[in-house]
Amino acid sequence: MAVRIAVGDESFDEIRKSGLYYVDKTELIYDLTEKTKNKVTLFTRPRRFGKTLNISMMESFFDINRSSRDVFEGLSVTEHESFCAEWMNQYPVLSLSLKDVDGLDFESAYISLKGTISDVCFKYSEILDHDRIDPIDRATFLALKEKKVDPPEIKPALKTIMRMMYAVYGKPVILLIDEYDVPLSKASEKNTEQNRYYEQMLDVIKGMLSIALKTNEFLKFAVATGCLRIAKESIFTGTNNFASYSVLDDRFSRYFGFTQDEMDRMLQAAGFPEKTELVRTWYDGYVFGGTPVYCPWDAASYVSALLYDRNAEPKNYWRNTSSNGIIRDFVNHTDWGIPDKFETIMNGGTIAVTVSDELTYDSLHDSEQNLWSILLMTGYLTKADPEERGNTVSLRIPNAEIAGIFADTVVKLFTDTLDNGRQRELMSALWDGDIKGATKRLGDFLWDTISYNDYHEDYYHAFLAGIFVGLGYAVESNKESGLGRFDVFVKDRRNRRVMVIEAKKSNKQEEMEKDCEKALKQIVDKGYVRRLEPGYEKCLCYGISFFRKSAMIRELCLHADC
C-alpha cells in the first residue's frame, strides 16, 4: 500500500486509525511522565512544529474515557509495559486549545474565548449526568456552555470543570492546554491607541491559568504549549514544580520537528530518497537545544506534493501559516543598526547576540535583545552552532524557505517606502536614454535596500517591478511574449512608448557587461516586442545586470514596427 502523508491533520487518533504516515514521538509521554516530577510543563516552539499533534497524542494516551491500545500499537511508548499499565487511559483529561481566540477589540475577543470554553463544555457534557456533581458547579457549567458568563466568572472555569471531573472519576485531572499564549499574541497585534485591550485579555487569561494551575487539588499535572514563555506578567508565578522548555533547551528537543533519521525514513518510505539534499536545503537547519531538526509541516507538505507529482519543486509553505510582520518591524529599527546585521545573516553569515526565552507580548519591541529573541523563538532564525549553550548565541537563517521570506519582506518594504521623486527621476532617465543617470539612480536604490549575495534573478526582477509600479504606468512582468518570457514590460500609453527590460544576476562584477549583452540578445532572439500593440511609436529595450548592490544598464533602441 502506498504511503499517505498527513498534512494539516492534527488528530493523533485520526492519523493512526486512517493508516497515515506517523513519525513516532510517543516516547515524549514516557520521558515527561516517568522522568520528571513537573506539576506544570510548558513547551515553547515555533508554530507548525508538532505541538498540537503532541497534545492530541497525550490526550489519547491518558484519557480514561478511551481505549487507546490499538492506536498506540507498535509505537515506542508501548515498549514500557508497566508504565502503560499504570498510565494508559487511567486519568480524566481536560484538553483545550486557545489558538482561535481572537478579535478586533476585547468584546469580540472575549466572545471568541467564551465560544472556546463553551466548546469544551460540550465536549465533556457527559459529566453532567452524574449525581455526584455539586448543583452549583452544574449551574456554572451550564452557564459556561451557554456562553452566559462575564470575565470574573470565566476565570475559574477550568478549575470548576476539573472539580466536576474529579467528583465523577475519583481521580485528579490531567490538564492539556494548546497555544496558551495566542489570545495575548493576537491582542498585542491589535493593541493600538484606538483599540487597546491587551491588558484586559491578560487579566482574563492570567486568571484562568492561575486558578487552574496553582494549588489545585484536582490537578494531576498540566502540559501547555505556545510560542513564548510569558515572564513579566507572572502567569505561572507561584506554580509548584513548574518547568519550561524552549528552543534553547536540550531536554525534549527531539520531540518537536523531524530529526535527520526520521526525515530519511519518511523519504525512503515514500520512495524519494534522492530528494534528501533538496529537502535538507529547503526545510532543515533548525536547532533546538543541541538537536538539528526539520520543520515537520513543511517537510511533510513537500513529500505529500511529491506523492502526487514526483517532479514537484519545493515551495514556501511557511509563508502561508503565520504573519511575517516581525521581520518588517526589524528592518524599520535603523537606530539599532539592524539592517547591517540583516545583511550579514542574509549573506549566509552569523551574528552573536544575547537572547532571552522569557518575553512579553507588550514589550517585544522595547529592546534589540527582545527583537532577536522573538525571531529565534518563532523560527525565523536558529542557533548556528548546536554545541552552543547559554543565552549568548550565534544566529543564522535556517534554510532556503525562510531566506525567501526574508527576501520577499525586504522587497515589499522597499516598494512600500519608495520616494516617488526618486522613482520619477529614474524613469525619466530611462525614457530619455540617459544610461549614466539611470545607472546612478538605480545604484542609489540598491544601496538603500538590504541585500545579500545569494539573491536570484527573481529578487532583482521584483525589485525593478516595485520601482515602476505606482507611477501611472501599466507594468507587466513574466508574461509570455514571442518565444519566451520577458522580465518587465512598461507601457506609457499617453506618450505612445513602451519599455522592455530583461534582468540578469551576475556572479562576478567583471561579468556584468557580458550579462547585459546576453539580456539584450535574449530580447531580440526571443522576439519579446512582438506583443506590442499597434500604435506605439517607440520601444526601448534595456538589458540590466546586477551584482550585489551594483547595477549596469545597456540599451537597444527599436521602433515599434521592428
Protein backbone atom coordinates (compact mmCIF):
# COMPACT_ATOMS: atom_id res chain seq x y z
CA MET A 1 0.00 0.00 0.00
CA ALA A 2 1.33 3.46 -0.93
CA VAL A 3 2.43 5.78 1.85
CA ARG A 4 -0.04 8.53 2.67
CA ILE A 5 1.20 11.70 4.37
CA ALA A 6 -0.97 13.69 6.77
CA VAL A 7 -0.83 17.43 6.10
CA GLY A 8 -2.93 19.58 8.39
CA ASP A 9 -4.41 16.62 10.30
CA GLU A 10 -3.54 17.26 13.94
CA SER A 11 -5.66 14.49 15.46
CA PHE A 12 -3.45 11.64 16.66
CA ASP A 13 -6.31 9.12 16.67
CA GLU A 14 -7.40 10.02 13.14
CA ILE A 15 -3.88 9.72 11.77
CA ARG A 16 -3.38 6.32 13.37
CA LYS A 17 -6.83 4.93 12.52
CA SER A 18 -6.55 6.12 8.91
CA GLY A 19 -3.18 4.46 8.40
CA LEU A 20 -1.46 7.75 7.62
CA TYR A 21 2.30 8.02 7.96
CA TYR A 22 3.23 8.95 11.52
CA VAL A 23 6.63 9.96 12.85
CA ASP A 24 6.75 8.31 16.27
CA LYS A 25 7.02 10.91 19.05
CA THR A 26 5.28 8.83 21.72
CA GLU A 27 8.43 8.45 23.83
CA LEU A 28 7.68 12.03 24.91
CA ILE A 29 4.88 10.65 27.10
CA TYR A 30 7.23 8.33 28.98
CA ASP A 31 10.04 10.87 29.29
CA LEU A 32 7.73 13.57 30.59
CA THR A 33 5.70 11.44 32.99
CA GLU A 34 8.29 9.00 34.27
CA LYS A 35 11.46 11.07 34.26
CA THR A 36 10.25 14.41 35.65
CA LYS A 37 8.23 15.49 38.63
CA ASN A 38 6.86 18.55 36.87
CA LYS A 39 3.46 19.66 38.06
CA VAL A 40 3.23 22.07 35.15
CA THR A 41 5.29 21.77 31.94
CA LEU A 42 5.44 24.43 29.24
CA PHE A 43 6.82 23.65 25.78
CA THR A 44 7.51 26.72 23.62
CA ARG A 45 8.21 26.15 19.95
CA PRO A 46 7.50 27.95 16.65
CA ARG A 47 4.19 27.24 15.00
CA ARG A 48 3.97 24.17 12.76
CA PHE A 49 6.44 22.14 14.79
CA GLY A 50 4.05 19.47 16.07
CA LYS A 51 2.85 20.97 19.35
CA THR A 52 -0.83 20.37 18.65
CA LEU A 53 -0.30 16.80 17.46
CA ASN A 54 1.70 16.02 20.60
CA ILE A 55 -1.09 17.40 22.79
CA SER A 56 -3.58 15.22 20.88
CA MET A 57 -1.28 12.23 21.35
CA MET A 58 -1.10 12.78 25.12
CA GLU A 59 -4.86 13.20 25.37
CA SER A 60 -5.39 9.90 23.56
CA PHE A 61 -2.90 8.10 25.81
CA PHE A 62 -4.12 9.29 29.21
CA ASP A 63 -7.89 9.75 28.67
CA ILE A 64 -9.88 7.46 30.95
CA ASN A 65 -12.80 7.51 28.52
CA ARG A 66 -10.84 5.90 25.70
CA SER A 67 -9.34 2.54 24.90
CA SER A 68 -6.18 3.50 23.05
CA ARG A 69 -4.11 0.34 22.93
CA ASP A 70 -4.87 -0.20 19.23
CA VAL A 71 -3.85 3.31 18.11
CA PHE A 72 -0.58 3.06 20.05
CA GLU A 73 0.23 -0.45 18.89
CA GLY A 74 3.78 -0.71 17.58
CA LEU A 75 4.81 2.72 18.85
CA SER A 76 7.77 3.25 21.15
CA VAL A 77 5.86 4.12 24.32
CA THR A 78 4.27 0.66 24.39
CA GLU A 79 7.71 -0.89 24.99
CA HIS A 80 7.34 0.38 28.57
CA GLU A 81 4.73 -2.19 29.56
CA SER A 82 4.45 -1.45 33.28
CA PHE A 83 4.29 2.28 32.57
CA CYS A 84 1.45 1.79 30.08
CA ALA A 85 -0.43 -0.41 32.56
CA GLU A 86 -0.20 2.37 35.14
CA TRP A 87 -0.97 5.36 32.91
CA MET A 88 -2.70 4.45 29.64
CA ASN A 89 -6.37 5.52 29.78
CA GLN A 90 -6.23 5.82 33.55
CA TYR A 91 -6.95 9.51 34.18
CA PRO A 92 -9.59 12.09 33.30
CA VAL A 93 -8.19 14.58 30.80
CA LEU A 94 -9.27 18.16 30.19
CA SER A 95 -7.83 19.28 26.84
CA LEU A 96 -8.41 22.60 25.12
CA SER A 97 -6.81 24.91 22.58
CA LEU A 98 -6.78 28.70 22.72
CA LYS A 99 -5.49 29.10 19.14
CA ASP A 100 -8.76 30.55 17.80
CA VAL A 101 -9.28 33.22 20.48
CA ASP A 102 -9.10 36.48 18.52
CA GLY A 103 -10.99 39.69 17.94
CA LEU A 104 -10.69 43.30 16.81
CA ASP A 105 -11.40 44.51 20.35
CA PHE A 106 -11.79 43.00 23.80
CA GLU A 107 -15.53 42.45 23.44
CA SER A 108 -15.19 40.39 20.25
CA ALA A 109 -12.13 38.54 21.57
CA TYR A 110 -13.95 37.71 24.81
CA ILE A 111 -16.89 36.36 22.81
CA SER A 112 -14.38 34.15 21.00
CA LEU A 113 -12.96 32.95 24.33
CA LYS A 114 -16.45 32.17 25.62
CA GLY A 115 -17.04 30.15 22.47
CA THR A 116 -13.87 28.13 23.08
CA ILE A 117 -14.88 27.37 26.69
CA SER A 118 -18.41 26.52 25.53
CA ASP A 119 -16.99 24.02 23.06
CA VAL A 120 -15.01 22.45 25.91
CA CYS A 121 -18.23 22.09 27.94
CA PHE A 122 -19.98 20.42 25.02
CA LYS A 123 -17.01 18.05 24.67
CA TYR A 124 -17.25 16.97 28.31
CA SER A 125 -21.01 17.38 28.81
CA GLU A 126 -21.43 13.71 29.83
CA ILE A 127 -20.20 14.58 33.34
CA LEU A 128 -23.47 16.44 33.92
CA ASP A 129 -25.30 13.09 34.09
CA HIS A 130 -23.58 12.06 37.33
CA ASP A 131 -25.31 12.67 40.64
CA ARG A 132 -22.00 13.38 42.39
CA ILE A 133 -21.79 16.77 40.71
CA ASP A 134 -22.37 19.72 43.02
CA PRO A 135 -25.52 21.68 41.99
CA ILE A 136 -23.62 24.98 41.98
CA ASP A 137 -20.93 23.54 39.71
CA ARG A 138 -23.64 22.15 37.45
CA ALA A 139 -25.24 25.58 37.13
CA THR A 140 -21.84 27.19 36.45
CA PHE A 141 -21.06 24.54 33.82
CA LEU A 142 -24.38 25.21 32.05
CA ALA A 143 -23.71 28.96 32.09
CA LEU A 144 -20.28 28.36 30.54
CA LYS A 145 -21.83 26.07 27.96
CA GLU A 146 -24.45 28.67 27.08
CA LYS A 147 -21.83 31.48 26.98
CA LYS A 148 -23.63 33.40 29.73
CA VAL A 149 -20.60 34.40 31.79
CA ASP A 150 -18.72 37.63 32.41
CA PRO A 151 -14.91 37.80 32.76
CA PRO A 152 -14.88 37.34 36.57
CA GLU A 153 -16.96 34.16 36.13
CA ILE A 154 -14.87 32.66 33.34
CA LYS A 155 -11.59 32.88 35.27
CA PRO A 156 -12.36 29.81 37.48
CA ALA A 157 -13.88 27.88 34.52
CA LEU A 158 -11.10 25.31 34.12
CA LYS A 159 -10.88 24.57 37.83
CA THR A 160 -14.67 24.17 38.01
CA ILE A 161 -14.66 21.61 35.19
CA MET A 162 -11.72 19.79 36.80
CA ARG A 163 -13.53 19.66 40.16
CA MET A 164 -16.54 18.12 38.42
CA MET A 165 -14.31 15.54 36.67
CA TYR A 166 -12.68 14.67 39.99
CA ALA A 167 -16.12 14.14 41.52
CA VAL A 168 -17.12 11.79 38.68
CA TYR A 169 -13.94 9.74 38.30
CA GLY A 170 -12.40 9.96 41.75
CA LYS A 171 -9.02 10.82 40.26
CA PRO A 172 -7.14 14.10 39.69
CA VAL A 173 -7.27 15.57 36.20
CA ILE A 174 -4.53 15.90 33.57
CA LEU A 175 -4.86 19.37 32.03
CA LEU A 176 -3.61 19.95 28.45
CA ILE A 177 -3.61 23.48 27.01
CA ASP A 178 -2.51 24.07 23.43
CA GLU A 179 -1.35 27.52 22.21
CA TYR A 180 -1.93 29.10 25.60
CA ASP A 181 -0.43 32.45 24.52
CA VAL A 182 -2.35 33.04 21.28
CA PRO A 183 -5.02 35.29 22.88
CA LEU A 184 -2.25 37.56 24.17
CA SER A 185 -0.36 37.47 20.87
CA LYS A 186 -3.50 38.45 18.97
CA ALA A 187 -4.34 41.15 21.49
CA SER A 188 -0.85 42.66 21.19
CA GLU A 189 -1.13 42.80 17.38
CA LYS A 190 -4.27 44.93 17.68
CA ASN A 191 -3.09 46.87 20.71
CA THR A 192 -3.25 50.32 19.10
CA GLU A 193 -4.12 53.53 20.89
CA GLN A 194 -7.59 53.38 19.39
CA ASN A 195 -8.10 49.72 20.16
CA ARG A 196 -6.14 48.77 23.28
CA TYR A 197 -7.21 45.57 25.00
CA TYR A 198 -4.03 43.66 25.77
CA GLU A 199 -4.24 44.36 29.49
CA GLN A 200 -7.87 43.20 29.64
CA MET A 201 -7.10 39.93 27.85
CA LEU A 202 -4.04 39.39 30.02
CA ASP A 203 -6.15 39.75 33.14
CA VAL A 204 -8.61 37.08 31.95
CA ILE A 205 -6.04 34.53 30.70
CA LYS A 206 -3.84 35.04 33.76
CA GLY A 207 -6.87 34.47 35.99
CA MET A 208 -7.91 31.28 34.17
CA LEU A 209 -4.45 29.72 34.27
CA SER A 210 -3.53 30.87 37.75
CA ILE A 211 -6.65 29.38 39.31
CA ALA A 212 -6.28 26.14 37.33
CA LEU A 213 -2.54 25.63 37.98
CA LYS A 214 -1.76 26.99 41.43
CA THR A 215 -2.51 24.82 44.48
CA ASN A 216 -5.29 23.00 42.64
CA GLU A 217 -6.03 19.76 44.46
CA PHE A 218 -7.88 18.42 41.43
CA LEU A 219 -4.82 18.66 39.14
CA LYS A 220 -2.65 15.61 38.44
CA PHE A 221 -0.33 17.55 36.17
CA ALA A 222 -0.58 20.05 33.31
CA VAL A 223 1.12 20.47 29.94
CA ALA A 224 0.87 23.72 27.99
CA THR A 225 2.29 24.71 24.62
CA GLY A 226 2.89 28.08 22.98
CA CYS A 227 5.38 30.22 21.10
CA LEU A 228 6.68 32.25 24.03
CA ARG A 229 7.11 31.85 27.74
CA ILE A 230 5.38 34.87 29.19
CA ALA A 231 7.51 36.08 32.06
CA LYS A 232 6.75 39.58 33.29
CA GLU A 233 3.00 39.01 33.50
CA SER A 234 3.67 36.22 36.04
CA ILE A 235 1.06 33.85 34.68
CA PHE A 236 2.95 30.92 36.17
CA THR A 237 4.26 32.60 39.32
CA GLY A 238 3.60 30.50 42.39
CA THR A 239 3.03 27.30 40.45
CA ASN A 240 4.76 24.43 42.19
CA ASN A 241 7.19 22.27 40.21
CA PHE A 242 6.92 24.40 37.08
CA ALA A 243 9.30 23.69 34.17
CA SER A 244 9.64 25.41 30.81
CA TYR A 245 11.48 24.06 27.76
CA SER A 246 12.22 26.40 24.85
CA VAL A 247 14.25 26.13 21.65
CA LEU A 248 17.35 26.78 23.78
CA ASP A 249 16.89 23.65 25.93
CA ASP A 250 18.30 20.22 25.18
CA ARG A 251 15.67 18.27 27.08
CA PHE A 252 12.73 17.11 24.93
CA SER A 253 14.31 18.82 21.88
CA ARG A 254 13.87 15.79 19.58
CA TYR A 255 10.10 15.60 20.08
CA PHE A 256 9.28 18.76 18.10
CA GLY A 257 10.34 18.59 14.46
CA PHE A 258 11.83 15.75 12.41
CA THR A 259 15.37 14.58 13.06
CA GLN A 260 17.57 13.61 10.11
CA ASP A 261 16.93 9.89 10.72
CA GLU A 262 13.18 10.48 10.82
CA MET A 263 13.29 12.51 7.62
CA ASP A 264 15.40 9.87 5.87
CA ARG A 265 12.92 7.15 6.85
CA MET A 266 9.98 9.19 5.57
CA LEU A 267 11.65 9.82 2.21
CA GLN A 268 12.60 6.16 1.94
CA ALA A 269 9.06 5.02 2.76
CA ALA A 270 7.60 7.47 0.24
CA GLY A 271 10.06 6.37 -2.46
CA PHE A 272 12.07 9.60 -2.81
CA PRO A 273 15.47 9.03 -1.16
CA GLU A 274 17.09 11.01 -3.98
CA LYS A 275 15.33 14.16 -2.69
CA THR A 276 17.26 14.14 0.60
CA GLU A 277 19.60 17.02 -0.20
CA LEU A 278 16.82 19.14 -1.73
CA VAL A 279 14.59 18.68 1.31
CA ARG A 280 17.51 19.45 3.61
CA THR A 281 18.29 22.69 1.78
CA TRP A 282 14.71 23.90 1.98
CA TYR A 283 13.30 22.65 5.27
CA ASP A 284 16.16 21.60 7.58
CA GLY A 285 18.51 23.78 9.59
CA TYR A 286 16.66 24.44 12.84
CA VAL A 287 18.50 23.69 16.07
CA PHE A 288 16.52 23.05 19.26
CA GLY A 289 18.87 22.69 22.19
CA GLY A 290 21.60 20.63 20.57
CA THR A 291 19.32 18.77 18.15
CA PRO A 292 19.13 19.69 14.42
CA VAL A 293 15.55 19.30 13.13
CA TYR A 294 13.36 19.86 10.07
CA CYS A 295 10.13 21.83 10.14
CA PRO A 296 7.65 18.92 10.09
CA TRP A 297 4.77 20.84 8.48
CA ASP A 298 6.85 21.97 5.51
CA ALA A 299 8.75 18.71 5.04
CA ALA A 300 5.55 16.64 5.15
CA SER A 301 3.81 19.09 2.78
CA TYR A 302 6.57 18.69 0.21
CA VAL A 303 6.67 14.90 0.47
CA SER A 304 2.89 14.90 0.03
CA ALA A 305 3.32 17.02 -3.12
CA LEU A 306 5.93 14.55 -4.40
CA LEU A 307 3.49 11.69 -3.95
CA TYR A 308 1.16 13.50 -6.37
CA ASP A 309 3.92 14.68 -8.74
CA ARG A 310 7.38 13.25 -8.27
CA ASN A 311 8.81 16.23 -10.17
CA ALA A 312 7.21 18.77 -7.84
CA GLU A 313 9.50 21.63 -6.88
CA PRO A 314 9.92 22.76 -3.27
CA LYS A 315 7.82 25.75 -2.31
CA ASN A 316 7.39 28.04 0.65
CA TYR A 317 4.72 26.51 2.86
CA TRP A 318 5.70 28.57 5.90
CA ARG A 319 4.70 31.83 4.19
CA ASN A 320 1.02 30.90 4.39
CA THR A 321 0.98 29.81 8.05
CA SER A 322 1.84 32.93 10.01
CA SER A 323 2.37 36.66 9.82
CA ASN A 324 5.81 37.82 8.74
CA GLY A 325 5.38 41.34 10.13
CA ILE A 326 8.09 40.84 12.74
CA ILE A 327 10.77 40.90 10.01
CA ARG A 328 9.46 44.19 8.69
CA ASP A 329 9.48 45.58 12.22
CA PHE A 330 13.14 44.65 12.46
CA VAL A 331 14.19 46.40 9.27
CA ASN A 332 12.48 49.58 10.45
CA HIS A 333 14.70 49.74 13.55
CA THR A 334 17.54 51.67 11.91
CA ASP A 335 18.54 53.13 15.27
CA TRP A 336 19.95 49.78 16.41
CA GLY A 337 21.92 49.06 13.25
CA ILE A 338 19.50 46.22 12.46
CA PRO A 339 19.81 46.50 8.63
CA ASP A 340 23.57 45.87 8.78
CA LYS A 341 23.05 42.74 10.86
CA PHE A 342 20.32 41.61 8.50
CA GLU A 343 22.71 41.90 5.58
CA THR A 344 25.15 39.68 7.46
CA ILE A 345 22.66 36.87 8.05
CA MET A 346 21.13 37.21 4.58
CA ASN A 347 24.63 36.71 3.17
CA GLY A 348 24.80 33.37 4.98
CA GLY A 349 26.73 34.75 7.92
CA THR A 350 26.00 34.62 11.64
CA ILE A 351 25.56 37.26 14.30
CA ALA A 352 26.34 36.88 18.00
CA VAL A 353 23.55 38.22 20.20
CA THR A 354 22.18 37.79 23.70
CA VAL A 355 18.67 36.37 23.75
CA SER A 356 16.05 35.51 26.34
CA ASP A 357 13.41 32.79 26.36
CA GLU A 358 11.23 34.83 28.74
CA LEU A 359 9.41 37.54 26.80
CA THR A 360 6.24 39.58 26.99
CA TYR A 361 3.98 40.44 24.10
CA ASP A 362 3.62 44.06 25.20
CA SER A 363 7.39 44.65 25.23
CA LEU A 364 8.64 42.77 22.18
CA HIS A 365 9.92 45.95 20.55
CA ASP A 366 11.40 47.56 23.64
CA SER A 367 14.95 46.34 23.07
CA GLU A 368 17.16 44.83 20.41
CA GLN A 369 17.58 41.73 22.58
CA ASN A 370 13.83 41.19 22.57
CA LEU A 371 13.65 41.50 18.81
CA TRP A 372 16.37 38.94 18.13
CA SER A 373 14.83 36.69 20.79
CA ILE A 374 11.40 36.71 19.16
CA LEU A 375 12.92 35.84 15.76
CA LEU A 376 14.68 32.90 17.40
CA MET A 377 11.64 31.70 19.37
CA THR A 378 9.31 31.95 16.38
CA GLY A 379 11.62 30.07 13.99
CA TYR A 380 12.81 32.82 11.64
CA LEU A 381 16.33 32.39 12.97
CA THR A 382 18.07 29.50 14.67
CA LYS A 383 21.26 28.74 16.54
CA ALA A 384 24.24 28.41 14.22
CA ASP A 385 26.09 26.00 16.50
CA PRO A 386 24.29 23.07 18.16
CA GLU A 387 27.04 22.94 20.78
CA GLU A 388 26.45 26.48 22.00
CA ARG A 389 24.91 26.82 25.45
CA GLY A 390 23.63 29.78 27.40
CA ASN A 391 21.90 32.93 26.27
CA THR A 392 24.66 34.43 24.12
CA VAL A 393 24.37 32.58 20.83
CA SER A 394 25.24 32.85 17.16
CA LEU A 395 22.15 33.13 14.98
CA ARG A 396 21.57 32.40 11.29
CA ILE A 397 18.72 31.88 8.83
CA PRO A 398 17.87 28.16 8.96
CA ASN A 399 17.14 27.31 5.31
CA ALA A 400 16.14 28.40 1.80
CA GLU A 401 12.46 28.62 2.71
CA ILE A 402 12.99 31.21 5.44
CA ALA A 403 15.62 33.04 3.36
CA GLY A 404 12.90 33.51 0.73
CA ILE A 405 10.57 35.06 3.32
CA PHE A 406 13.31 37.49 4.37
CA ALA A 407 13.93 38.48 0.75
CA ASP A 408 10.22 38.91 -0.02
CA THR A 409 9.72 41.04 3.09
CA VAL A 410 12.67 43.27 2.26
CA VAL A 411 11.42 43.81 -1.30
CA LYS A 412 7.91 44.65 -0.08
CA LEU A 413 9.22 47.08 2.49
CA PHE A 414 11.33 48.72 -0.22
CA THR A 415 8.38 49.16 -2.59
CA ASP A 416 6.11 50.40 0.22
CA THR A 417 8.56 53.13 1.25
CA LEU A 418 9.79 54.31 -2.15
CA ASP A 419 10.48 58.01 -2.68
CA ASN A 420 8.22 58.95 -5.62
CA GLY A 421 10.51 61.78 -6.63
CA ARG A 422 13.48 59.45 -6.98
CA GLN A 423 11.29 56.94 -8.83
CA ARG A 424 10.34 59.58 -11.38
CA GLU A 425 13.96 60.64 -11.83
CA LEU A 426 14.92 57.04 -12.65
CA MET A 427 12.01 56.65 -15.06
CA SER A 428 12.79 59.94 -16.79
CA ALA A 429 16.40 58.86 -17.27
CA LEU A 430 15.29 55.54 -18.76
CA TRP A 431 12.75 57.13 -21.12
CA ASP A 432 15.39 59.66 -22.21
CA GLY A 433 18.04 57.01 -22.78
CA ASP A 434 20.26 58.60 -20.11
CA ILE A 435 22.16 55.42 -19.26
CA LYS A 436 24.62 57.10 -16.91
CA GLY A 437 21.90 58.86 -14.93
CA ALA A 438 19.68 55.77 -14.78
CA THR A 439 22.58 53.63 -13.58
CA LYS A 440 23.40 56.12 -10.82
CA ARG A 441 19.79 56.30 -9.59
CA LEU A 442 19.31 52.54 -9.75
CA GLY A 443 22.50 52.08 -7.74
CA ASP A 444 21.20 54.54 -5.15
CA PHE A 445 18.04 52.45 -4.77
CA LEU A 446 20.10 49.30 -4.32
CA TRP A 447 22.29 50.95 -1.72
CA ASP A 448 19.22 51.88 0.33
CA THR A 449 17.98 48.30 0.49
CA ILE A 450 19.15 45.28 2.42
CA SER A 451 20.92 42.94 0.03
CA TYR A 452 22.65 39.63 0.14
CA ASN A 453 24.95 37.71 -2.15
CA ASP A 454 22.67 34.81 -2.97
CA TYR A 455 19.79 36.75 -4.47
CA HIS A 456 18.31 35.07 -7.51
CA GLU A 457 17.16 36.91 -10.61
CA ASP A 458 13.62 36.75 -9.21
CA TYR A 459 14.61 39.14 -6.44
CA TYR A 460 16.02 41.73 -8.83
CA HIS A 461 13.02 41.30 -11.06
CA ALA A 462 10.68 42.04 -8.14
CA PHE A 463 12.93 44.96 -7.16
CA LEU A 464 12.58 46.52 -10.62
CA ALA A 465 8.85 45.90 -10.88
CA GLY A 466 8.40 47.55 -7.49
CA ILE A 467 10.15 50.71 -8.69
CA PHE A 468 7.88 51.08 -11.72
CA VAL A 469 4.56 50.33 -10.02
CA GLY A 470 2.65 53.33 -8.71
CA LEU A 471 3.76 55.91 -11.25
CA GLY A 472 0.77 55.61 -13.53
CA TYR A 473 2.34 53.15 -15.96
CA ALA A 474 0.93 49.79 -16.95
CA VAL A 475 3.53 47.33 -15.67
CA GLU A 476 3.55 43.65 -16.58
CA SER A 477 6.10 41.03 -15.68
CA ASN A 478 6.97 37.46 -16.62
CA LYS A 479 4.37 37.33 -19.37
CA GLU A 480 4.52 35.12 -22.42
CA SER A 481 5.78 37.14 -25.37
CA GLY A 482 7.21 35.86 -28.63
CA LEU A 483 9.28 32.79 -27.83
CA GLY A 484 9.84 33.40 -24.15
CA ARG A 485 9.03 35.37 -21.01
CA PHE A 486 10.31 38.90 -20.54
CA ASP A 487 11.12 40.26 -17.09
CA VAL A 488 9.40 43.69 -17.03
CA PHE A 489 7.21 45.40 -19.63
CA VAL A 490 6.24 49.08 -19.04
CA LYS A 491 3.66 50.86 -21.21
CA ASP A 492 3.30 54.65 -21.36
CA ARG A 493 0.09 54.87 -23.37
CA ARG A 494 -0.17 58.67 -23.26
CA ASN A 495 3.23 59.13 -24.91
CA ARG A 496 2.87 56.02 -27.12
CA ARG A 497 6.03 54.36 -25.89
CA VAL A 498 6.99 51.12 -24.18
CA MET A 499 9.96 49.70 -22.34
CA VAL A 500 11.13 46.06 -22.19
CA ILE A 501 13.65 45.15 -19.52
CA GLU A 502 15.48 41.85 -19.15
CA ALA A 503 17.45 41.49 -15.91
CA LYS A 504 20.37 39.19 -15.17
CA LYS A 505 22.15 38.40 -11.92
CA SER A 506 25.92 38.34 -12.41
CA ASN A 507 28.12 36.00 -10.44
CA LYS A 508 31.12 38.35 -10.69
CA GLN A 509 31.45 42.08 -11.19
CA GLU A 510 33.60 41.60 -14.27
CA GLU A 511 30.79 39.59 -15.90
CA MET A 512 28.20 42.39 -15.72
CA GLU A 513 28.91 43.78 -19.20
CA LYS A 514 28.63 40.33 -20.76
CA ASP A 515 25.38 39.65 -18.90
CA CYS A 516 23.88 42.91 -20.16
CA GLU A 517 24.64 41.84 -23.70
CA LYS A 518 23.09 38.43 -23.02
CA ALA A 519 19.94 40.14 -21.78
CA LEU A 520 19.68 42.31 -24.91
CA LYS A 521 20.33 39.35 -27.17
CA GLN A 522 17.56 37.43 -25.40
CA ILE A 523 15.11 40.29 -26.04
CA VAL A 524 15.93 40.20 -29.76
CA ASP A 525 16.25 36.46 -30.25
CA LYS A 526 13.01 35.65 -28.45
CA GLY A 527 11.03 38.47 -30.02
CA TYR A 528 9.76 39.99 -26.79
CA VAL A 529 8.48 43.11 -28.55
CA ARG A 530 6.08 41.08 -30.69
CA ARG A 531 3.38 41.51 -28.06
CA LEU A 532 3.48 45.27 -28.64
CA GLU A 533 0.08 46.66 -29.60
CA PRO A 534 -0.19 48.69 -32.87
CA GLY A 535 0.10 52.44 -32.45
CA TYR A 536 3.10 52.65 -30.15
CA GLU A 537 5.86 54.70 -31.72
CA LYS A 538 8.86 53.91 -29.57
CA CYS A 539 10.16 50.78 -27.89
CA LEU A 540 13.11 50.98 -25.52
CA CYS A 541 14.87 47.73 -24.69
CA TYR A 542 17.22 47.53 -21.72
CA GLY A 543 19.47 44.78 -20.50
CA ILE A 544 20.33 45.23 -16.85
CA SER A 545 22.82 43.17 -14.88
CA PHE A 546 23.06 43.14 -11.09
CA PHE A 547 25.92 42.17 -8.86
CA ARG A 548 25.10 42.61 -5.19
CA LYS A 549 24.45 46.36 -4.84
CA SER A 550 25.79 47.32 -8.27
CA ALA A 551 23.79 47.69 -11.47
CA MET A 552 24.82 48.08 -15.13
CA ILE A 553 22.41 49.16 -17.88
CA ARG A 554 22.78 48.74 -21.63
CA GLU A 555 20.27 49.90 -24.22
CA LEU A 556 18.94 48.67 -27.56
CA CYS A 557 16.54 51.19 -29.13
CA LEU A 558 13.91 49.83 -31.53
CA HIS A 559 10.95 51.30 -33.42
CA ALA A 560 7.57 49.78 -32.73
CA ASP A 561 7.37 48.19 -36.18
CA CYS A 562 10.70 46.36 -35.90
